Amino acid sequence: MDMKVKIGVVGVGGYAGLELIRLVGRHPGVDFASAMDVAGFVGKPLGEVHTSLRGVCDLVVAPPDPEKAAGLDTVFLCTPDKVSHELAPQFLRAGARVIDFSGAFRLKDAANFAAWYGFDHADKGLLSSAVYGLAEWNAREIAPAKLIANPGCYPTSVELALLPLVRAGMLETGSEIFCDSKSGVSGAGRAPKADMMFVEVVESFRPYSPVRHRHAPEMCQALGWDIENFTFVPHLLPIRQGILSTIYVSFNRQVGAEELEAEYARRYSGRRFVRILGSSRLPEIGAVAGTNFCDIAWRLTHNGKRAVVFSAIDNLIKGAAGQALQNFNIMHGLDEAEGIL
């Protein structure tokens, strides 16, 4: 590739930032020009921030300064919601395209941010123009976008599993959807937290933020589902990374296995990162860890009137860095799997 796209990454100190750096490091079309962070990593070489990068990348971490971002074509924000809310418009004004890992631009209604994210959103214009980066479903809108709201990790696992059923009109209108999801500890980020210490997590298993989790409105928005009929309960697994979601749905009629198989095959035909296991196999975290794949399967129950749908992803890759790079490739007219497969 003759011309490389010059990128910057803000939030290089986090786990998602690390995975993104690993991916762009093998992308032939990327010039990783600027490593930035808002925490205590400024002034340190990346090999000190993440020891796995010793001898791999010698960039020194700088503070995020949009005025010095001239020449950066795309900036990835691996930053918390409020930080992305502040930085995204600044980098956009500086002429960069932005792919944001946070929830700062995922919801379309600004009024929802105070209740679900704890801050008032100041830019309704950006909310309306931001494109939700679920690559398998929104590629046409992603290609010309200036601002991508990268989906959350839990929503990616749930939406990829359910959207074929929703778009086909197969689910019972007004029925309850129950999502039971389990994630590795890396989903909580790298910041020190007492309840995420090794001795608190190992040989244990617990739910957290049940029912009122901030990802619920994001999922309902993407699915077009009433949040009053949607229950989401995440759990913490004593593993590093990965998500397994088990989802319970009701159909509006009797559905057969062949019809379900055909619908998923139709929706994801040619989509290299979604693997349909159908009704014969089951997803597992070990099969997707370290990859950008989403594995989906199901079991019909109650004579085809209900189903249990399963999906598995790596929360740091398909749920964050991998999907972000997938969106980057679509935005720049590159092979969608470049740097990922």
C-alpha atoms as a PDB file:
ATOM      1  CA  MET A   1       0.000   0.000   0.000  1.00  0.00           C
ATOM      2  CA  ASP A   2       1.610   3.263  -1.180  1.00  0.00           C
ATOM      3  CA  MET A   3      -0.174   5.772   1.052  1.00  0.00           C
ATOM      4  CA  LYS A   4      -0.621   5.061   4.733  1.00  0.00           C
ATOM      5  CA  VAL A   5      -3.332   6.632   6.851  1.00  0.00           C
ATOM      6  CA  LYS A   6      -1.840   8.611   9.731  1.00  0.00           C
ATOM      7  CA  ILE A   7      -3.599   7.881  13.005  1.00  0.00           C
ATOM      8  CA  GLY A   8      -3.476   8.855  16.654  1.00  0.00           C
ATOM      9  CA  VAL A   9      -4.702   6.891  19.664  1.00  0.00           C
ATOM     10  CA  VAL A  10      -5.878   8.599  22.850  1.00  0.00           C
ATOM     11  CA  GLY A  11      -6.075   6.338  25.887  1.00  0.00           C
ATOM     12  CA  VAL A  12      -3.117   4.102  25.089  1.00  0.00           C
ATOM     13  CA  GLY A  13      -2.794   3.120  28.746  1.00  0.00           C
ATOM     14  CA  GLY A  14      -5.947   0.999  28.817  1.00  0.00           C
ATOM     15  CA  TYR A  15      -6.566  -2.583  27.776  1.00  0.00           C
ATOM     16  CA  ALA A  16      -8.574  -1.646  24.682  1.00  0.00           C
ATOM     17  CA  GLY A  17      -5.863   0.833  23.724  1.00  0.00           C
ATOM     18  CA  LEU A  18      -3.260  -1.913  23.988  1.00  0.00           C
ATOM     19  CA  GLU A  19      -5.262  -4.252  21.759  1.00  0.00           C
ATOM     20  CA  LEU A  20      -5.716  -1.476  19.207  1.00  0.00           C
ATOM     21  CA  ILE A  21      -1.970  -0.773  19.162  1.00  0.00           C
ATOM     22  CA  ARG A  22      -1.284  -4.455  18.576  1.00  0.00           C
ATOM     23  CA  LEU A  23      -3.722  -4.540  15.664  1.00  0.00           C
ATOM     24  CA  VAL A  24      -2.592  -1.326  13.942  1.00  0.00           C
ATOM     25  CA  GLY A  25       1.011  -2.461  14.335  1.00  0.00           C
ATOM     26  CA  ARG A  26       0.396  -5.170  11.753  1.00  0.00           C
ATOM     27  CA  HIS A  27      -1.859  -3.090   9.488  1.00  0.00           C
ATOM     28  CA  PRO A  28       0.025  -2.263   6.261  1.00  0.00           C
ATOM     29  CA  GLY A  29      -2.121   0.812   5.626  1.00  0.00           C
ATOM     30  CA  VAL A  30      -1.649   2.524   8.996  1.00  0.00           C
ATOM     31  CA  ASP A  31       0.979   4.991  10.190  1.00  0.00           C
ATOM     32  CA  PHE A  32       0.656   5.027  13.983  1.00  0.00           C
ATOM     33  CA  ALA A  33       1.943   8.579  14.469  1.00  0.00           C
ATOM     34  CA  SER A  34       0.735   9.710  17.881  1.00  0.00           C
ATOM     35  CA  ALA A  35       0.224   7.922  21.212  1.00  0.00           C
ATOM     36  CA  MET A  36      -1.766   9.995  23.704  1.00  0.00           C
ATOM     37  CA  ASP A  37      -3.251   9.592  27.152  1.00  0.00           C
ATOM     38  CA  VAL A  38      -4.969  11.699  29.766  1.00  0.00           C
ATOM     39  CA  ALA A  39      -3.760   9.702  32.758  1.00  0.00           C
ATOM     40  CA  GLY A  40      -0.363   9.344  34.417  1.00  0.00           C
ATOM     41  CA  PHE A  41       1.366   7.821  31.397  1.00  0.00           C
ATOM     42  CA  VAL A  42       2.404  11.062  29.680  1.00  0.00           C
ATOM     43  CA  GLY A  43       6.126  11.200  28.943  1.00  0.00           C
ATOM     44  CA  LYS A  44       6.611   7.438  29.130  1.00  0.00           C
ATOM     45  CA  PRO A  45       7.522   5.219  26.171  1.00  0.00           C
ATOM     46  CA  LEU A  46       4.816   2.736  25.275  1.00  0.00           C
ATOM     47  CA  GLY A  47       7.104  -0.123  26.262  1.00  0.00           C
ATOM     48  CA  GLU A  48       6.911   1.099  29.851  1.00  0.00           C
ATOM     49  CA  VAL A  49       3.164   1.627  29.775  1.00  0.00           C
ATOM     50  CA  HIS A  50       2.635  -1.910  28.441  1.00  0.00           C
ATOM     51  CA  THR A  51       5.629  -4.179  28.869  1.00  0.00           C
ATOM     52  CA  SER A  52       4.452  -6.392  25.993  1.00  0.00           C
ATOM     53  CA  LEU A  53       5.255  -3.464  23.668  1.00  0.00           C
ATOM     54  CA  ARG A  54       8.948  -3.330  24.594  1.00  0.00           C
ATOM     55  CA  GLY A  55      10.930  -3.258  21.384  1.00  0.00           C
ATOM     56  CA  VAL A  56       7.703  -3.191  19.377  1.00  0.00           C
ATOM     57  CA  CYS A  57       6.708   0.482  19.471  1.00  0.00           C
ATOM     58  CA  ASP A  58       8.974   3.292  20.672  1.00  0.00           C
ATOM     59  CA  LEU A  59       6.442   6.152  20.676  1.00  0.00           C
ATOM     60  CA  VAL A  60       6.408   8.339  23.779  1.00  0.00           C
ATOM     61  CA  VAL A  61       3.005   9.125  25.264  1.00  0.00           C
ATOM     62  CA  ALA A  62       1.878  12.732  24.857  1.00  0.00           C
ATOM     63  CA  PRO A  63      -1.152  14.574  26.234  1.00  0.00           C
ATOM     64  CA  PRO A  64      -4.109  14.837  23.836  1.00  0.00           C
ATOM     65  CA  ASP A  65      -3.707  18.155  22.030  1.00  0.00           C
ATOM     66  CA  PRO A  66      -6.046  18.600  19.051  1.00  0.00           C
ATOM     67  CA  GLU A  67      -4.105  21.683  17.956  1.00  0.00           C
ATOM     68  CA  LYS A  68      -1.026  19.506  17.458  1.00  0.00           C
ATOM     69  CA  ALA A  69      -3.029  16.837  15.676  1.00  0.00           C
ATOM     70  CA  ALA A  70      -2.611  18.441  12.259  1.00  0.00           C
ATOM     71  CA  GLY A  71      -1.932  15.744   9.716  1.00  0.00           C
ATOM     72  CA  LEU A  72      -3.727  13.013  11.648  1.00  0.00           C
ATOM     73  CA  ASP A  73      -6.421  11.587   9.444  1.00  0.00           C
ATOM     74  CA  THR A  74      -8.140   9.477  12.117  1.00  0.00           C
ATOM     75  CA  VAL A  75      -8.072   9.589  15.904  1.00  0.00           C
ATOM     76  CA  PHE A  76      -9.216   6.665  18.064  1.00  0.00           C
ATOM     77  CA  LEU A  77     -10.564   7.697  21.461  1.00  0.00           C
ATOM     78  CA  CYS A  78     -10.092   4.819  23.927  1.00  0.00           C
ATOM     79  CA  THR A  79     -11.246   7.111  26.697  1.00  0.00           C
ATOM     80  CA  PRO A  80     -14.019   7.336  29.327  1.00  0.00           C
ATOM     81  CA  ASP A  81     -17.388   8.803  28.370  1.00  0.00           C
ATOM     82  CA  LYS A  82     -16.870  12.325  29.706  1.00  0.00           C
ATOM     83  CA  VAL A  83     -13.362  12.569  28.234  1.00  0.00           C
ATOM     84  CA  SER A  84     -14.586  11.497  24.793  1.00  0.00           C
ATOM     85  CA  HIS A  85     -17.496  13.947  25.105  1.00  0.00           C
ATOM     86  CA  GLU A  86     -14.921  16.730  25.528  1.00  0.00           C
ATOM     87  CA  LEU A  87     -12.241  15.594  23.079  1.00  0.00           C
ATOM     88  CA  ALA A  88     -14.249  14.327  20.088  1.00  0.00           C
ATOM     89  CA  PRO A  89     -15.516  17.745  18.924  1.00  0.00           C
ATOM     90  CA  GLN A  90     -12.015  19.212  19.340  1.00  0.00           C
ATOM     91  CA  PHE A  91     -10.377  16.594  17.123  1.00  0.00           C
ATOM     92  CA  LEU A  92     -13.193  16.904  14.593  1.00  0.00           C
ATOM     93  CA  ARG A  93     -12.636  20.664  14.393  1.00  0.00           C
ATOM     94  CA  ALA A  94      -8.929  19.963  13.854  1.00  0.00           C
ATOM     95  CA  GLY A  95      -9.877  18.002  10.731  1.00  0.00           C
ATOM     96  CA  ALA A  96      -9.535  14.424  11.991  1.00  0.00           C
ATOM     97  CA  ARG A  97     -12.113  11.696  11.726  1.00  0.00           C
ATOM     98  CA  VAL A  98     -12.914  10.171  15.107  1.00  0.00           C
ATOM     99  CA  ILE A  99     -13.680   6.612  16.203  1.00  0.00           C
ATOM    100  CA  ASP A 100     -14.847   6.739  19.810  1.00  0.00           C
ATOM    101  CA  PHE A 101     -14.780   3.672  22.065  1.00  0.00           C
ATOM    102  CA  SER A 102     -16.923   5.228  24.801  1.00  0.00           C
ATOM    103  CA  GLY A 103     -20.662   5.637  25.186  1.00  0.00           C
ATOM    104  CA  ALA A 104     -20.510   9.413  24.708  1.00  0.00           C
ATOM    105  CA  PHE A 105     -22.139   9.371  21.259  1.00  0.00           C
ATOM    106  CA  ARG A 106     -24.045   6.083  21.143  1.00  0.00           C
ATOM    107  CA  LEU A 107     -27.457   7.293  22.281  1.00  0.00           C
ATOM    108  CA  LYS A 108     -29.394   9.597  19.965  1.00  0.00           C
ATOM    109  CA  ASP A 109     -31.487  11.302  22.652  1.00  0.00           C
ATOM    110  CA  ALA A 110     -29.348  13.739  24.669  1.00  0.00           C
ATOM    111  CA  ALA A 111     -31.872  13.594  27.508  1.00  0.00           C
ATOM    112  CA  ASN A 112     -30.879   9.977  28.240  1.00  0.00           C
ATOM    113  CA  PHE A 113     -27.283  10.750  29.169  1.00  0.00           C
ATOM    114  CA  ALA A 114     -27.950  12.235  32.602  1.00  0.00           C
ATOM    115  CA  ALA A 115     -29.891   9.148  33.716  1.00  0.00           C
ATOM    116  CA  TRP A 116     -27.645   6.483  32.164  1.00  0.00           C
ATOM    117  CA  TYR A 117     -24.188   8.078  31.980  1.00  0.00           C
ATOM    118  CA  GLY A 118     -24.280  10.661  34.748  1.00  0.00           C
ATOM    119  CA  PHE A 119     -23.626  13.800  32.721  1.00  0.00           C
ATOM    120  CA  ASP A 120     -25.531  16.249  30.530  1.00  0.00           C
ATOM    121  CA  HIS A 121     -24.686  15.961  26.853  1.00  0.00           C
ATOM    122  CA  ALA A 122     -23.689  19.295  25.352  1.00  0.00           C
ATOM    123  CA  ASP A 123     -23.693  18.505  21.636  1.00  0.00           C
ATOM    124  CA  LYS A 124     -26.976  17.345  20.126  1.00  0.00           C
ATOM    125  CA  GLY A 125     -25.611  18.048  16.666  1.00  0.00           C
ATOM    126  CA  LEU A 126     -22.830  15.494  17.053  1.00  0.00           C
ATOM    127  CA  LEU A 127     -25.266  12.977  18.505  1.00  0.00           C
ATOM    128  CA  SER A 128     -27.403  13.226  15.398  1.00  0.00           C
ATOM    129  CA  SER A 129     -24.447  12.968  12.995  1.00  0.00           C
ATOM    130  CA  ALA A 130     -22.529  10.223  14.815  1.00  0.00           C
ATOM    131  CA  VAL A 131     -22.783   6.825  13.121  1.00  0.00           C
ATOM    132  CA  TYR A 132     -23.242   3.747  15.261  1.00  0.00           C
ATOM    133  CA  GLY A 133     -20.359   1.505  14.259  1.00  0.00           C
ATOM    134  CA  LEU A 134     -21.926  -1.950  14.204  1.00  0.00           C
ATOM    135  CA  ALA A 135     -19.923  -2.914  11.148  1.00  0.00           C
ATOM    136  CA  GLU A 136     -22.001  -5.868   9.935  1.00  0.00           C
ATOM    137  CA  TRP A 137     -25.160  -3.769   9.809  1.00  0.00           C
ATOM    138  CA  ASN A 138     -24.150  -0.140   9.219  1.00  0.00           C
ATOM    139  CA  ALA A 139     -21.294  -0.320   6.702  1.00  0.00           C
ATOM    140  CA  ARG A 140     -23.014   2.032   4.222  1.00  0.00           C
ATOM    141  CA  GLU A 141     -23.339   4.774   6.859  1.00  0.00           C
ATOM    142  CA  ILE A 142     -19.894   4.086   8.328  1.00  0.00           C
ATOM    143  CA  ALA A 143     -18.005   4.637   5.057  1.00  0.00           C
ATOM    144  CA  PRO A 144     -18.472   8.447   4.807  1.00  0.00           C
ATOM    145  CA  ALA A 145     -18.747   9.127   8.551  1.00  0.00           C
ATOM    146  CA  LYS A 146     -16.673  11.695  10.414  1.00  0.00           C
ATOM    147  CA  LEU A 147     -17.588  10.402  13.887  1.00  0.00           C
ATOM    148  CA  ILE A 148     -18.097   6.729  14.716  1.00  0.00           C
ATOM    149  CA  ALA A 149     -19.664   5.662  18.003  1.00  0.00           C
ATOM    150  CA  ASN A 150     -18.058   2.254  18.444  1.00  0.00           C
ATOM    151  CA  PRO A 151     -20.626  -0.100  20.049  1.00  0.00           C
ATOM    152  CA  GLY A 152     -20.172  -1.388  23.573  1.00  0.00           C
ATOM    153  CA  CYS A 153     -18.886  -4.901  24.088  1.00  0.00           C
ATOM    154  CA  TYR A 154     -22.078  -6.305  25.621  1.00  0.00           C
ATOM    155  CA  PRO A 155     -24.282  -4.614  22.985  1.00  0.00           C
ATOM    156  CA  THR A 156     -22.147  -6.072  20.194  1.00  0.00           C
ATOM    157  CA  SER A 157     -22.701  -9.592  21.512  1.00  0.00           C
ATOM    158  CA  VAL A 158     -26.456  -9.079  21.947  1.00  0.00           C
ATOM    159  CA  GLU A 159     -27.228  -7.032  18.835  1.00  0.00           C
ATOM    160  CA  LEU A 160     -25.394  -9.298  16.404  1.00  0.00           C
ATOM    161  CA  ALA A 161     -27.311 -12.238  17.854  1.00  0.00           C
ATOM    162  CA  LEU A 162     -30.773 -10.621  17.794  1.00  0.00           C
ATOM    163  CA  LEU A 163     -30.864  -8.210  14.856  1.00  0.00           C
ATOM    164  CA  PRO A 164     -31.596 -10.918  12.248  1.00  0.00           C
ATOM    165  CA  LEU A 165     -34.686 -11.951  14.238  1.00  0.00           C
ATOM    166  CA  VAL A 166     -35.815  -8.374  14.866  1.00  0.00           C
ATOM    167  CA  ARG A 167     -35.349  -7.183  11.279  1.00  0.00           C
ATOM    168  CA  ALA A 168     -37.191 -10.231   9.973  1.00  0.00           C
ATOM    169  CA  GLY A 169     -40.161  -9.393  12.216  1.00  0.00           C
ATOM    170  CA  MET A 170     -40.025 -12.780  13.876  1.00  0.00           C
ATOM    171  CA  LEU A 171     -40.207 -11.752  17.535  1.00  0.00           C
ATOM    172  CA  GLU A 172     -43.488 -11.340  19.399  1.00  0.00           C
ATOM    173  CA  THR A 173     -44.321  -7.636  19.602  1.00  0.00           C
ATOM    174  CA  GLY A 174     -44.128  -6.422  23.184  1.00  0.00           C
ATOM    175  CA  SER A 175     -42.643  -9.675  24.443  1.00  0.00           C
ATOM    176  CA  GLU A 176     -39.911  -9.796  27.043  1.00  0.00           C
ATOM    177  CA  ILE A 177     -36.284 -10.215  26.006  1.00  0.00           C
ATOM    178  CA  PHE A 178     -33.950 -11.481  28.717  1.00  0.00           C
ATOM    179  CA  CYS A 179     -30.177 -11.122  28.244  1.00  0.00           C
ATOM    180  CA  ASP A 180     -27.851 -12.963  30.587  1.00  0.00           C
ATOM    181  CA  SER A 181     -24.243 -12.012  29.775  1.00  0.00           C
ATOM    182  CA  LYS A 182     -20.891 -12.939  31.310  1.00  0.00           C
ATOM    183  CA  SER A 183     -17.678 -10.992  30.789  1.00  0.00           C
ATOM    184  CA  GLY A 184     -14.022 -11.212  31.706  1.00  0.00           C
ATOM    185  CA  VAL A 185     -12.537  -8.749  34.175  1.00  0.00           C
ATOM    186  CA  SER A 186     -10.827  -6.598  31.528  1.00  0.00           C
ATOM    187  CA  GLY A 187     -14.236  -5.153  30.681  1.00  0.00           C
ATOM    188  CA  ALA A 188     -13.985  -3.067  33.860  1.00  0.00           C
ATOM    189  CA  GLY A 189     -10.879  -1.263  32.575  1.00  0.00           C
ATOM    190  CA  ARG A 190      -7.349  -0.912  33.923  1.00  0.00           C
ATOM    191  CA  ALA A 191      -7.969   1.642  36.676  1.00  0.00           C
ATOM    192  CA  PRO A 192      -7.395   0.097  40.130  1.00  0.00           C
ATOM    193  CA  LYS A 193     -10.615  -1.055  41.813  1.00  0.00           C
ATOM    194  CA  ALA A 194     -10.754  -2.977  45.070  1.00  0.00           C
ATOM    195  CA  ASP A 195     -13.520  -5.312  43.884  1.00  0.00           C
ATOM    196  CA  MET A 196     -11.534  -6.180  40.730  1.00  0.00           C
ATOM    197  CA  MET A 197      -8.391  -7.303  42.548  1.00  0.00           C
ATOM    198  CA  PHE A 198      -7.205 -10.832  41.797  1.00  0.00           C
ATOM    199  CA  VAL A 199      -8.145 -12.167  45.220  1.00  0.00           C
ATOM    200  CA  GLU A 200     -11.649 -10.681  44.916  1.00  0.00           C
ATOM    201  CA  VAL A 201     -12.317 -12.171  41.479  1.00  0.00           C
ATOM    202  CA  VAL A 202     -10.552 -15.514  41.319  1.00  0.00           C
ATOM    203  CA  GLU A 203     -12.717 -18.553  42.133  1.00  0.00           C
ATOM    204  CA  SER A 204     -15.787 -16.332  42.252  1.00  0.00           C
ATOM    205  CA  PHE A 205     -18.664 -15.339  39.984  1.00  0.00           C
ATOM    206  CA  ARG A 206     -21.106 -12.495  40.489  1.00  0.00           C
ATOM    207  CA  PRO A 207     -23.639 -10.223  38.773  1.00  0.00           C
ATOM    208  CA  TYR A 208     -23.076  -6.479  38.673  1.00  0.00           C
ATOM    209  CA  SER A 209     -25.132  -3.415  37.703  1.00  0.00           C
ATOM    210  CA  PRO A 210     -28.166  -5.644  37.031  1.00  0.00           C
ATOM    211  CA  VAL A 211     -31.310  -4.388  35.274  1.00  0.00           C
ATOM    212  CA  ARG A 212     -30.235  -0.698  35.177  1.00  0.00           C
ATOM    213  CA  HIS A 213     -26.965  -1.217  33.308  1.00  0.00           C
ATOM    214  CA  ARG A 214     -25.992   1.674  31.003  1.00  0.00           C
ATOM    215  CA  HIS A 215     -25.733  -0.632  27.981  1.00  0.00           C
ATOM    216  CA  ALA A 216     -29.463  -1.435  28.106  1.00  0.00           C
ATOM    217  CA  PRO A 217     -30.689   1.722  26.297  1.00  0.00           C
ATOM    218  CA  GLU A 218     -27.984   1.289  23.663  1.00  0.00           C
ATOM    219  CA  MET A 219     -29.174  -2.233  22.911  1.00  0.00           C
ATOM    220  CA  CYS A 220     -32.837  -1.231  22.868  1.00  0.00           C
ATOM    221  CA  GLN A 221     -32.101   1.674  20.532  1.00  0.00           C
ATOM    222  CA  ALA A 222     -30.308  -0.616  18.068  1.00  0.00           C
ATOM    223  CA  LEU A 223     -33.006  -3.291  18.283  1.00  0.00           C
ATOM    224  CA  GLY A 224     -35.939  -0.870  18.291  1.00  0.00           C
ATOM    225  CA  TRP A 225     -37.180  -2.545  21.469  1.00  0.00           C
ATOM    226  CA  ASP A 226     -39.095  -1.046  24.388  1.00  0.00           C
ATOM    227  CA  ILE A 227     -36.717  -0.914  27.346  1.00  0.00           C
ATOM    228  CA  GLU A 228     -39.638  -1.778  29.644  1.00  0.00           C
ATOM    229  CA  ASN A 229     -39.690  -5.196  27.977  1.00  0.00           C
ATOM    230  CA  PHE A 230     -35.944  -5.719  28.064  1.00  0.00           C
ATOM    231  CA  THR A 231     -33.955  -7.177  30.961  1.00  0.00           C
ATOM    232  CA  PHE A 232     -30.165  -7.212  30.879  1.00  0.00           C
ATOM    233  CA  VAL A 233     -28.034  -8.719  33.639  1.00  0.00           C
ATOM    234  CA  PRO A 234     -24.233  -8.810  33.234  1.00  0.00           C
ATOM    235  CA  HIS A 235     -21.955 -11.050  35.300  1.00  0.00           C
ATOM    236  CA  LEU A 236     -18.253 -11.012  36.045  1.00  0.00           C
ATOM    237  CA  LEU A 237     -16.237 -14.097  35.152  1.00  0.00           C
ATOM    238  CA  PRO A 238     -12.836 -14.826  36.753  1.00  0.00           C
ATOM    239  CA  ILE A 239     -11.089 -14.676  33.356  1.00  0.00           C
ATOM    240  CA  ARG A 240      -9.167 -11.944  31.544  1.00  0.00           C
ATOM    241  CA  GLN A 241     -11.338 -11.347  28.486  1.00  0.00           C
ATOM    242  CA  GLY A 242     -14.331 -12.623  26.551  1.00  0.00           C
ATOM    243  CA  ILE A 243     -18.134 -12.399  26.660  1.00  0.00           C
ATOM    244  CA  LEU A 244     -20.752 -15.113  26.460  1.00  0.00           C
ATOM    245  CA  SER A 245     -24.364 -13.930  26.126  1.00  0.00           C
ATOM    246  CA  THR A 246     -27.426 -16.143  26.589  1.00  0.00           C
ATOM    247  CA  ILE A 247     -30.619 -14.492  25.339  1.00  0.00           C
ATOM    248  CA  TYR A 248     -34.230 -15.658  25.732  1.00  0.00           C
ATOM    249  CA  VAL A 249     -36.804 -14.609  23.115  1.00  0.00           C
ATOM    250  CA  SER A 250     -40.393 -15.371  22.034  1.00  0.00           C
ATOM    251  CA  PHE A 251     -41.548 -15.653  18.420  1.00  0.00           C
ATOM    252  CA  ASN A 252     -44.847 -14.410  17.022  1.00  0.00           C
ATOM    253  CA  ARG A 253     -45.457 -17.802  15.416  1.00  0.00           C
ATOM    254  CA  GLN A 254     -43.991 -21.274  15.266  1.00  0.00           C
ATOM    255  CA  VAL A 255     -40.485 -21.159  13.773  1.00  0.00           C
ATOM    256  CA  GLY A 256     -38.572 -24.085  12.323  1.00  0.00           C
ATOM    257  CA  ALA A 257     -34.841 -24.779  12.518  1.00  0.00           C
ATOM    258  CA  GLU A 258     -34.356 -24.489   8.748  1.00  0.00           C
ATOM    259  CA  GLU A 259     -36.072 -21.097   8.608  1.00  0.00           C
ATOM    260  CA  LEU A 260     -33.916 -19.774  11.435  1.00  0.00           C
ATOM    261  CA  GLU A 261     -30.750 -21.096   9.813  1.00  0.00           C
ATOM    262  CA  ALA A 262     -31.697 -19.501   6.495  1.00  0.00           C
ATOM    263  CA  GLU A 263     -32.406 -16.117   8.078  1.00  0.00           C
ATOM    264  CA  TYR A 264     -29.053 -15.916   9.854  1.00  0.00           C
ATOM    265  CA  ALA A 265     -27.249 -17.137   6.737  1.00  0.00           C
ATOM    266  CA  ARG A 266     -28.990 -14.469   4.631  1.00  0.00           C
ATOM    267  CA  ARG A 267     -28.173 -11.639   7.029  1.00  0.00           C
ATOM    268  CA  TYR A 268     -24.531 -12.581   7.548  1.00  0.00           C
ATOM    269  CA  SER A 269     -23.600 -14.009   4.169  1.00  0.00           C
ATOM    270  CA  GLY A 270     -20.142 -12.700   3.301  1.00  0.00           C
ATOM    271  CA  ARG A 271     -19.605 -11.192   6.755  1.00  0.00           C
ATOM    272  CA  ARG A 272     -16.307 -12.787   7.675  1.00  0.00           C
ATOM    273  CA  PHE A 273     -16.381 -11.994  11.375  1.00  0.00           C
ATOM    274  CA  VAL A 274     -19.740 -13.600  12.179  1.00  0.00           C
ATOM    275  CA  ARG A 275     -19.704 -17.380  12.389  1.00  0.00           C
ATOM    276  CA  ILE A 276     -23.075 -19.122  12.490  1.00  0.00           C
ATOM    277  CA  LEU A 277     -22.976 -22.314  14.535  1.00  0.00           C
ATOM    278  CA  GLY A 278     -26.721 -22.879  14.262  1.00  0.00           C
ATOM    279  CA  SER A 279     -28.479 -25.530  16.301  1.00  0.00           C
ATOM    280  CA  SER A 280     -25.755 -28.177  16.230  1.00  0.00           C
ATOM    281  CA  ARG A 281     -22.894 -26.452  18.081  1.00  0.00           C
ATOM    282  CA  LEU A 282     -22.529 -23.905  20.876  1.00  0.00           C
ATOM    283  CA  PRO A 283     -20.315 -20.823  21.230  1.00  0.00           C
ATOM    284  CA  GLU A 284     -17.569 -20.691  23.807  1.00  0.00           C
ATOM    285  CA  ILE A 285     -15.233 -17.928  24.899  1.00  0.00           C
ATOM    286  CA  GLY A 286     -12.132 -20.011  24.219  1.00  0.00           C
ATOM    287  CA  ALA A 287     -13.014 -20.162  20.518  1.00  0.00           C
ATOM    288  CA  VAL A 288     -13.210 -16.369  20.080  1.00  0.00           C
ATOM    289  CA  ALA A 289     -10.613 -15.098  22.578  1.00  0.00           C
ATOM    290  CA  GLY A 290      -7.962 -13.053  20.810  1.00  0.00           C
ATOM    291  CA  THR A 291     -10.094 -12.770  17.640  1.00  0.00           C
ATOM    292  CA  ASN A 292     -12.602 -10.429  16.023  1.00  0.00           C
ATOM    293  CA  PHE A 293     -15.167 -13.211  15.551  1.00  0.00           C
ATOM    294  CA  CYS A 294     -18.691 -13.394  16.913  1.00  0.00           C
ATOM    295  CA  ASP A 295     -19.997 -16.958  17.153  1.00  0.00           C
ATOM    296  CA  ILE A 296     -23.797 -17.352  17.219  1.00  0.00           C
ATOM    297  CA  ALA A 297     -25.992 -20.376  17.913  1.00  0.00           C
ATOM    298  CA  TRP A 298     -29.500 -21.127  19.172  1.00  0.00           C
ATOM    299  CA  ARG A 299     -31.849 -23.738  20.499  1.00  0.00           C
ATOM    300  CA  LEU A 300     -35.567 -23.693  19.725  1.00  0.00           C
ATOM    301  CA  THR A 301     -37.926 -24.431  22.614  1.00  0.00           C
ATOM    302  CA  HIS A 302     -41.694 -24.658  23.229  1.00  0.00           C
ATOM    303  CA  ASN A 303     -42.319 -26.223  19.787  1.00  0.00           C
ATOM    304  CA  GLY A 304     -40.597 -23.373  17.974  1.00  0.00           C
ATOM    305  CA  LYS A 305     -42.432 -20.564  19.776  1.00  0.00           C
ATOM    306  CA  ARG A 306     -39.376 -19.575  21.792  1.00  0.00           C
ATOM    307  CA  ALA A 307     -35.613 -19.769  21.480  1.00  0.00           C
ATOM    308  CA  VAL A 308     -32.453 -19.413  23.488  1.00  0.00           C
ATOM    309  CA  VAL A 309     -29.830 -17.570  21.436  1.00  0.00           C
ATOM    310  CA  PHE A 310     -26.135 -17.699  22.315  1.00  0.00           C
ATOM    311  CA  SER A 311     -23.236 -15.509  21.237  1.00  0.00           C
ATOM    312  CA  ALA A 312     -19.570 -15.238  22.135  1.00  0.00           C
ATOM    313  CA  ILE A 313     -17.045 -12.481  21.436  1.00  0.00           C
ATOM    314  CA  ASP A 314     -13.772 -11.151  22.765  1.00  0.00           C
ATOM    315  CA  ASN A 315     -14.808  -7.999  24.623  1.00  0.00           C
ATOM    316  CA  LEU A 316     -11.505  -6.213  23.903  1.00  0.00           C
ATOM    317  CA  ILE A 317     -11.384  -7.070  20.196  1.00  0.00           C
ATOM    318  CA  LYS A 318     -14.783  -7.588  18.556  1.00  0.00           C
ATOM    319  CA  GLY A 319     -16.245  -5.613  21.462  1.00  0.00           C
ATOM    320  CA  ALA A 320     -13.739  -2.757  21.145  1.00  0.00           C
ATOM    321  CA  ALA A 321     -10.434  -2.526  19.237  1.00  0.00           C
ATOM    322  CA  GLY A 322     -11.132  -5.060  16.479  1.00  0.00           C
ATOM    323  CA  GLN A 323     -14.508  -3.601  15.608  1.00  0.00           C
ATOM    324  CA  ALA A 324     -12.981  -0.108  15.683  1.00  0.00           C
ATOM    325  CA  LEU A 325     -10.337  -1.170  13.165  1.00  0.00           C
ATOM    326  CA  GLN A 326     -13.029  -2.886  11.107  1.00  0.00           C
ATOM    327  CA  ASN A 327     -14.868   0.456  11.023  1.00  0.00           C
ATOM    328  CA  PHE A 328     -11.632   2.259  10.149  1.00  0.00           C
ATOM    329  CA  ASN A 329     -11.129  -0.049   7.160  1.00  0.00           C
ATOM    330  CA  ILE A 330     -14.669   0.590   5.938  1.00  0.00           C
ATOM    331  CA  MET A 331     -14.187   4.370   6.340  1.00  0.00           C
ATOM    332  CA  HIS A 332     -11.031   4.299   4.231  1.00  0.00           C
ATOM    333  CA  GLY A 333     -12.219   1.923   1.531  1.00  0.00           C
ATOM    334  CA  LEU A 334      -9.868  -0.856   2.642  1.00  0.00           C
ATOM    335  CA  ASP A 335     -10.440  -4.572   2.967  1.00  0.00           C
ATOM    336  CA  GLU A 336     -12.627  -4.907   6.048  1.00  0.00           C
ATOM    337  CA  ALA A 337     -10.337  -7.568   7.536  1.00  0.00           C
ATOM    338  CA  GLU A 338      -7.058  -5.708   6.940  1.00  0.00           C
ATOM    339  CA  GLY A 339      -4.875  -5.869  10.040  1.00  0.00           C
ATOM    340  CA  ILE A 340      -7.419  -8.085  11.793  1.00  0.00           C
ATOM    341  CA  LEU A 341      -7.190 -11.470  10.070  1.00  0.00           C
END
